[in-house]
Amino acid sequence: MPLIAARIRLVLKGLTPPYVWNALKAVKDRLRPELAPLPEPESEEPPEWEYVPEGWARRDADPAVKGWDVDAIVAAYRRKWPSFVRALEGSGPLGVAHEVPEDVEVPTEDRGAHNTVVSYAYVLALTARKKDRVALLDWGGGSGHYYLFSRALLPDVEIEYHCKDVPKLVAYGRELFPEAAFYEDDSCLERQYDLVLASNSLQYSEDWRGTLARLAAAASGYVYVTRLPVALRSTSFVVVQRPYAYGYETEYLGWVVNREDLLEAAATAGLELVREFVLVDLLSARGAPEDPIEHRGFLFHAASGRPPERARPA
């Protein structure tokens, strides 16, 4: 319940003009009975999200910042995988979010996740129009969650699935889906794809502009960047996430990318914006120059590209 209450508060704050929010807060403070001030706690747990003014230099200075390639993340994925598979079975809602706190069943009625999944369904259906097979590169795709999403969303379309991620997650993905292609390096970018997907991943590339350009070069059809934290008023900045509640015994850095910077970098890479998506997820990073921080999705079309390569019959 505290997590749900915090999310509701962030959503309301994000939708309420600042002057109205401050006025409401002032009224609440006047109505609240006078209480003796509480003593300051001797120590405070660091927040899940926090602004990092020194940027990516934090990675070398803080041993807690281990990134994604750690055993704890793979172990958490293993524990949650059966629940994720169950959530996609049948004809229930698509509000499926696989990143949930420990000992929580993967939900099917998370409205934020539903928005994200149905937005991806639109992208996948547009890509698959007049096709019976789609070559998909899931850049930063973990162990293949979007492979199952894709098969559930378009069961009559063959998904030729390719996934790039860190070695430990790639090894687990190969266990789950031996018929798919998993990559630990950039050799996945040496061919063309109908759809290049970067969901909740581009922000973890220190050189996100260079990464976006390489993804664009590998797309003969579309590039979909989604679940990207965006800054609408400030310049791009770096935050740290401490995802211990999810069983991830690590910390990692990520960008909050200025929206205009993203669109400029995409245009430079030869990408044309087709559709922008607003997502429900908000985060609040302590000390950040912009708060709350929203997530968005951006569907681009590759202005030029070769037809996607097809695997030759064995």
Protein backbone atom coordinates (compact mmCIF):
# COMPACT_ATOMS: atom_id res chain seq x y z
CA MET A 1 0.00 0.00 0.00
CA PRO A 2 2.75 2.58 0.70
CA LEU A 3 4.11 2.04 -2.84
CA ILE A 4 0.64 2.54 -4.34
CA ALA A 5 0.03 5.66 -2.25
CA ALA A 6 3.38 7.11 -3.29
CA ARG A 7 2.62 6.46 -6.99
CA ILE A 8 -0.81 8.13 -6.68
CA ARG A 9 0.75 11.16 -4.99
CA LEU A 10 3.35 11.48 -7.77
CA VAL A 11 0.69 11.23 -10.47
CA LEU A 12 -1.46 13.91 -8.80
CA LYS A 13 1.54 16.16 -8.33
CA GLY A 14 2.56 15.69 -11.95
CA LEU A 15 -0.93 16.65 -13.19
CA THR A 16 -1.43 19.61 -10.83
CA PRO A 17 0.07 23.04 -11.65
CA PRO A 18 2.78 23.97 -9.12
CA TYR A 19 0.93 26.98 -7.74
CA VAL A 20 -2.22 24.89 -7.12
CA TRP A 21 -0.17 22.09 -5.51
CA ASN A 22 1.53 24.58 -3.17
CA ALA A 23 -1.81 26.18 -2.26
CA LEU A 24 -3.33 22.81 -1.42
CA LYS A 25 -0.30 21.93 0.68
CA ALA A 26 -0.61 25.23 2.56
CA VAL A 27 -4.30 24.56 3.31
CA LYS A 28 -3.47 21.05 4.53
CA ASP A 29 -0.78 22.45 6.81
CA ARG A 30 -3.20 25.02 8.29
CA LEU A 31 -5.85 22.39 8.96
CA ARG A 32 -3.43 19.95 10.54
CA PRO A 33 -3.33 20.14 14.38
CA GLU A 34 -0.25 21.72 15.82
CA LEU A 35 2.22 19.03 16.81
CA ALA A 36 5.51 19.18 18.57
CA PRO A 37 8.31 18.86 16.01
CA LEU A 38 9.64 15.36 15.70
CA PRO A 39 13.33 14.81 16.34
CA GLU A 40 15.44 14.40 13.24
CA PRO A 41 16.37 10.76 12.63
CA GLU A 42 19.99 9.98 13.33
CA SER A 43 20.34 8.25 9.98
CA GLU A 44 18.22 8.11 6.83
CA GLU A 45 18.05 5.34 4.29
CA PRO A 46 19.11 6.61 0.88
CA PRO A 47 16.18 7.02 -1.53
CA GLU A 48 15.54 4.67 -4.41
CA TRP A 49 16.18 7.49 -6.90
CA GLU A 50 18.68 10.32 -6.47
CA TYR A 51 20.21 13.01 -8.64
CA VAL A 52 23.92 12.52 -9.39
CA PRO A 53 25.48 15.93 -10.07
CA GLU A 54 28.87 14.45 -10.99
CA GLY A 55 27.25 12.26 -13.64
CA TRP A 56 28.89 9.07 -14.84
CA ALA A 57 32.02 9.71 -12.75
CA ARG A 58 30.00 8.22 -9.86
CA ARG A 59 30.40 4.77 -11.42
CA ASP A 60 34.13 4.68 -10.76
CA ALA A 61 33.91 6.34 -7.35
CA ASP A 62 31.14 4.27 -5.73
CA PRO A 63 31.60 0.47 -5.45
CA ALA A 64 27.84 0.04 -4.89
CA VAL A 65 27.23 1.08 -8.51
CA LYS A 66 27.69 -2.37 -10.04
CA GLY A 67 25.32 -1.98 -12.99
CA TRP A 68 23.08 -4.68 -14.45
CA ASP A 69 25.50 -7.57 -14.94
CA VAL A 70 25.13 -9.07 -11.44
CA ASP A 71 23.94 -12.45 -10.22
CA ALA A 72 21.22 -10.94 -8.02
CA ILE A 73 19.28 -9.60 -11.01
CA VAL A 74 19.37 -12.95 -12.78
CA ALA A 75 18.24 -14.68 -9.57
CA ALA A 76 15.33 -12.24 -9.23
CA TYR A 77 14.35 -12.79 -12.85
CA ARG A 78 14.36 -16.57 -12.30
CA ARG A 79 12.11 -16.27 -9.25
CA LYS A 80 9.62 -14.03 -11.05
CA TRP A 81 9.62 -15.73 -14.45
CA PRO A 82 6.87 -18.34 -13.73
CA SER A 83 4.63 -15.54 -12.43
CA PHE A 84 5.31 -13.47 -15.56
CA VAL A 85 4.43 -16.40 -17.82
CA ARG A 86 1.18 -17.01 -15.92
CA ALA A 87 0.23 -13.34 -16.25
CA LEU A 88 0.34 -13.56 -20.05
CA GLU A 89 -1.74 -16.72 -20.31
CA GLY A 90 -5.37 -16.61 -21.37
CA SER A 91 -7.44 -13.57 -22.30
CA GLY A 92 -6.96 -11.37 -19.24
CA PRO A 93 -5.88 -7.73 -19.20
CA LEU A 94 -2.43 -6.77 -20.45
CA GLY A 95 -1.49 -4.75 -17.39
CA VAL A 96 1.57 -6.95 -16.90
CA ALA A 97 4.65 -5.46 -15.25
CA HIS A 98 7.44 -7.95 -14.61
CA GLU A 99 9.48 -5.64 -12.36
CA VAL A 100 7.64 -6.01 -9.07
CA PRO A 101 8.84 -6.12 -5.46
CA GLU A 102 10.00 -9.41 -4.05
CA ASP A 103 7.25 -11.93 -3.15
CA VAL A 104 4.66 -10.03 -5.23
CA GLU A 105 2.78 -11.84 -8.00
CA VAL A 106 3.22 -10.24 -11.41
CA PRO A 107 0.01 -8.23 -11.90
CA THR A 108 -2.32 -8.24 -14.88
CA GLU A 109 -4.27 -5.07 -14.01
CA ASP A 110 -1.50 -2.51 -13.53
CA ARG A 111 -2.85 0.41 -15.55
CA GLY A 112 0.56 1.92 -16.13
CA ALA A 113 1.86 -1.36 -17.48
CA HIS A 114 -1.28 -1.73 -19.60
CA ASN A 115 -0.56 1.61 -21.24
CA THR A 116 3.02 0.54 -21.95
CA VAL A 117 2.07 -2.88 -23.36
CA VAL A 118 -0.78 -1.63 -25.53
CA SER A 119 1.44 1.15 -26.88
CA TYR A 120 3.96 -1.53 -27.85
CA ALA A 121 1.13 -3.54 -29.44
CA TYR A 122 0.38 -0.57 -31.70
CA VAL A 123 4.04 -0.37 -32.71
CA LEU A 124 4.32 -4.10 -33.35
CA ALA A 125 1.07 -4.19 -35.38
CA LEU A 126 2.25 -1.26 -37.51
CA THR A 127 5.57 -3.01 -38.11
CA ALA A 128 3.87 -6.30 -39.00
CA ARG A 129 1.36 -4.80 -41.42
CA LYS A 130 1.22 -7.02 -44.55
CA LYS A 131 3.91 -9.30 -43.09
CA ASP A 132 3.77 -12.80 -41.67
CA ARG A 133 7.21 -12.49 -40.09
CA VAL A 134 8.92 -9.69 -38.16
CA ALA A 135 12.64 -9.44 -37.45
CA LEU A 136 12.91 -7.79 -34.02
CA LEU A 137 16.01 -6.55 -32.20
CA ASP A 138 15.34 -6.01 -28.51
CA TRP A 139 18.28 -3.87 -27.43
CA GLY A 140 18.69 -4.18 -23.65
CA GLY A 141 15.93 -6.79 -23.60
CA GLY A 142 17.07 -8.76 -20.56
CA SER A 143 16.06 -12.40 -20.77
CA GLY A 144 13.35 -11.94 -23.41
CA HIS A 145 10.24 -10.51 -21.79
CA TYR A 146 9.27 -8.72 -25.00
CA TYR A 147 9.55 -11.97 -26.92
CA LEU A 148 6.64 -13.32 -24.88
CA PHE A 149 4.79 -10.01 -25.16
CA SER A 150 5.19 -10.10 -28.95
CA ARG A 151 3.97 -13.68 -29.27
CA ALA A 152 0.96 -12.95 -27.05
CA LEU A 153 0.07 -9.75 -28.91
CA LEU A 154 0.39 -11.11 -32.48
CA PRO A 155 0.10 -14.90 -32.25
CA ASP A 156 -0.30 -15.29 -36.02
CA VAL A 157 2.94 -13.47 -36.85
CA GLU A 158 6.29 -15.21 -36.61
CA ILE A 159 8.70 -13.26 -34.42
CA GLU A 160 12.35 -13.61 -35.37
CA TYR A 161 13.71 -12.49 -32.01
CA HIS A 162 17.16 -11.03 -31.39
CA CYS A 163 18.19 -9.64 -28.00
CA LYS A 164 21.29 -7.73 -26.84
CA ASP A 165 22.12 -7.41 -23.13
CA VAL A 166 24.78 -8.01 -20.48
CA PRO A 167 26.37 -11.49 -20.32
CA LYS A 168 24.54 -12.85 -17.26
CA LEU A 169 21.10 -11.96 -18.61
CA VAL A 170 22.02 -13.24 -22.06
CA ALA A 171 22.98 -16.61 -20.59
CA TYR A 172 19.61 -16.88 -18.88
CA GLY A 173 17.78 -15.82 -22.03
CA ARG A 174 19.48 -18.58 -23.99
CA GLU A 175 18.20 -21.09 -21.44
CA LEU A 176 14.64 -19.87 -21.84
CA PHE A 177 14.59 -19.42 -25.61
CA PRO A 178 17.17 -21.54 -27.44
CA GLU A 179 15.45 -20.76 -30.74
CA ALA A 180 16.14 -17.01 -30.36
CA ALA A 181 19.40 -15.12 -30.85
CA PHE A 182 21.06 -13.46 -27.84
CA TYR A 183 24.13 -11.23 -28.03
CA GLU A 184 26.63 -9.97 -25.49
CA ASP A 185 28.26 -7.59 -27.99
CA ASP A 186 27.32 -5.30 -30.86
CA SER A 187 27.48 -7.99 -33.53
CA CYS A 188 23.67 -7.82 -33.49
CA LEU A 189 23.97 -4.45 -35.24
CA GLU A 190 25.63 -5.93 -38.31
CA ARG A 191 22.29 -6.72 -39.97
CA GLN A 192 18.90 -5.07 -40.48
CA TYR A 193 15.61 -5.45 -38.61
CA ASP A 194 11.98 -4.56 -39.22
CA LEU A 195 11.81 -3.18 -35.69
CA VAL A 196 14.54 -2.11 -33.28
CA LEU A 197 13.22 -1.82 -29.73
CA ALA A 198 14.90 -0.07 -26.82
CA SER A 199 12.55 -0.33 -23.84
CA ASN A 200 13.85 0.97 -20.50
CA SER A 201 17.39 0.64 -21.83
CA LEU A 202 18.68 3.62 -23.84
CA GLN A 203 19.08 5.68 -20.65
CA TYR A 204 21.65 3.20 -19.33
CA SER A 205 24.06 3.91 -22.19
CA GLU A 206 26.55 6.60 -21.22
CA ASP A 207 26.85 7.54 -24.90
CA TRP A 208 23.12 7.41 -25.60
CA ARG A 209 23.43 9.55 -28.75
CA GLY A 210 25.98 7.19 -30.30
CA THR A 211 23.88 4.19 -29.29
CA LEU A 212 20.77 5.69 -30.87
CA ALA A 213 22.67 6.31 -34.12
CA ARG A 214 23.83 2.67 -34.21
CA LEU A 215 20.31 1.41 -33.55
CA ALA A 216 19.01 3.61 -36.35
CA ALA A 217 21.56 2.17 -38.76
CA ALA A 218 20.31 -1.34 -37.98
CA ALA A 219 16.67 -0.52 -38.73
CA SER A 220 15.08 -0.97 -42.13
CA GLY A 221 11.67 -0.15 -40.68
CA TYR A 222 11.09 1.33 -37.24
CA VAL A 223 12.96 2.26 -34.08
CA TYR A 224 10.92 2.37 -30.88
CA VAL A 225 12.51 3.99 -27.83
CA THR A 226 10.20 3.66 -24.85
CA ARG A 227 10.10 3.80 -21.06
CA LEU A 228 12.66 6.58 -21.38
CA PRO A 229 12.85 9.11 -18.51
CA VAL A 230 12.58 12.54 -20.11
CA ALA A 231 13.30 16.07 -18.97
CA LEU A 232 10.86 18.60 -20.38
CA ARG A 233 12.34 21.76 -18.84
CA SER A 234 15.92 21.06 -17.80
CA THR A 235 18.97 19.80 -19.64
CA SER A 236 19.75 16.07 -19.56
CA PHE A 237 21.06 14.82 -16.22
CA VAL A 238 22.05 11.58 -14.46
CA VAL A 239 20.30 9.76 -11.62
CA VAL A 240 21.14 6.66 -9.62
CA GLN A 241 18.59 3.95 -8.85
CA ARG A 242 18.82 1.67 -5.83
CA PRO A 243 16.39 -1.13 -6.77
CA TYR A 244 16.79 -3.25 -3.65
CA ALA A 245 13.03 -3.63 -3.19
CA TYR A 246 12.95 -5.68 -6.41
CA GLY A 247 15.64 -8.07 -5.23
CA TYR A 248 18.32 -6.39 -7.35
CA GLU A 249 21.34 -6.15 -5.06
CA THR A 250 23.01 -3.44 -7.07
CA GLU A 251 22.80 0.21 -8.04
CA TYR A 252 23.02 1.70 -11.51
CA LEU A 253 23.22 5.06 -13.22
CA GLY A 254 20.93 6.30 -15.95
CA TRP A 255 20.13 9.39 -17.95
CA VAL A 256 17.07 11.55 -17.77
CA VAL A 257 17.20 12.70 -21.39
CA ASN A 258 16.05 16.13 -22.46
CA ARG A 259 13.22 15.58 -24.95
CA GLU A 260 14.46 18.11 -27.50
CA ASP A 261 17.97 16.64 -27.33
CA LEU A 262 16.52 13.20 -28.09
CA LEU A 263 14.56 14.43 -31.11
CA GLU A 264 17.59 16.31 -32.43
CA ALA A 265 19.83 13.25 -32.04
CA ALA A 266 17.21 11.09 -33.75
CA ALA A 267 16.95 13.45 -36.71
CA THR A 268 20.74 13.52 -37.02
CA ALA A 269 20.68 9.70 -37.10
CA GLY A 270 18.20 9.75 -39.99
CA LEU A 271 15.10 8.95 -37.95
CA GLU A 272 11.70 10.54 -38.54
CA LEU A 273 9.27 10.79 -35.62
CA VAL A 274 6.08 8.85 -36.34
CA ARG A 275 4.34 8.93 -32.96
CA GLU A 276 5.08 10.03 -29.40
CA PHE A 277 3.59 8.16 -26.43
CA VAL A 278 2.92 9.46 -22.94
CA LEU A 279 3.29 6.80 -20.26
CA VAL A 280 1.90 6.68 -16.75
CA ASP A 281 5.13 5.98 -14.88
CA LEU A 282 6.61 8.84 -12.88
CA LEU A 283 9.68 8.89 -10.69
CA SER A 284 10.94 11.33 -8.12
CA ALA A 285 14.72 11.63 -7.73
CA ARG A 286 15.95 13.49 -4.66
CA GLY A 287 17.74 16.70 -5.62
CA ALA A 288 16.92 16.42 -9.33
CA PRO A 289 16.53 19.64 -11.33
CA GLU A 290 13.13 18.41 -12.52
CA ASP A 291 10.54 16.62 -10.38
CA PRO A 292 8.54 14.51 -10.95
CA ILE A 293 10.20 12.89 -13.96
CA GLU A 294 7.93 11.28 -16.53
CA HIS A 295 8.55 8.47 -18.99
CA ARG A 296 7.70 8.62 -22.68
CA GLY A 297 7.93 6.51 -25.80
CA PHE A 298 9.04 7.60 -29.28
CA LEU A 299 8.37 5.68 -32.47
CA PHE A 300 10.68 6.60 -35.34
CA HIS A 301 10.85 5.47 -38.94
CA ALA A 302 14.24 4.86 -40.48
CA ALA A 303 14.45 7.25 -43.41
CA SER A 304 16.71 4.90 -45.32
CA GLY A 305 17.71 1.29 -44.97
CA ARG A 306 18.05 -2.00 -46.73
CA PRO A 307 15.30 -4.60 -46.67
CA PRO A 308 15.74 -6.83 -43.60
CA GLU A 309 17.88 -9.87 -44.10
CA ARG A 310 16.14 -13.22 -43.83
CA ALA A 311 17.74 -16.34 -42.47
CA ARG A 312 18.39 -18.90 -45.18
CA PRO A 313 16.62 -22.25 -44.86
CA ALA A 314 18.79 -24.91 -43.24
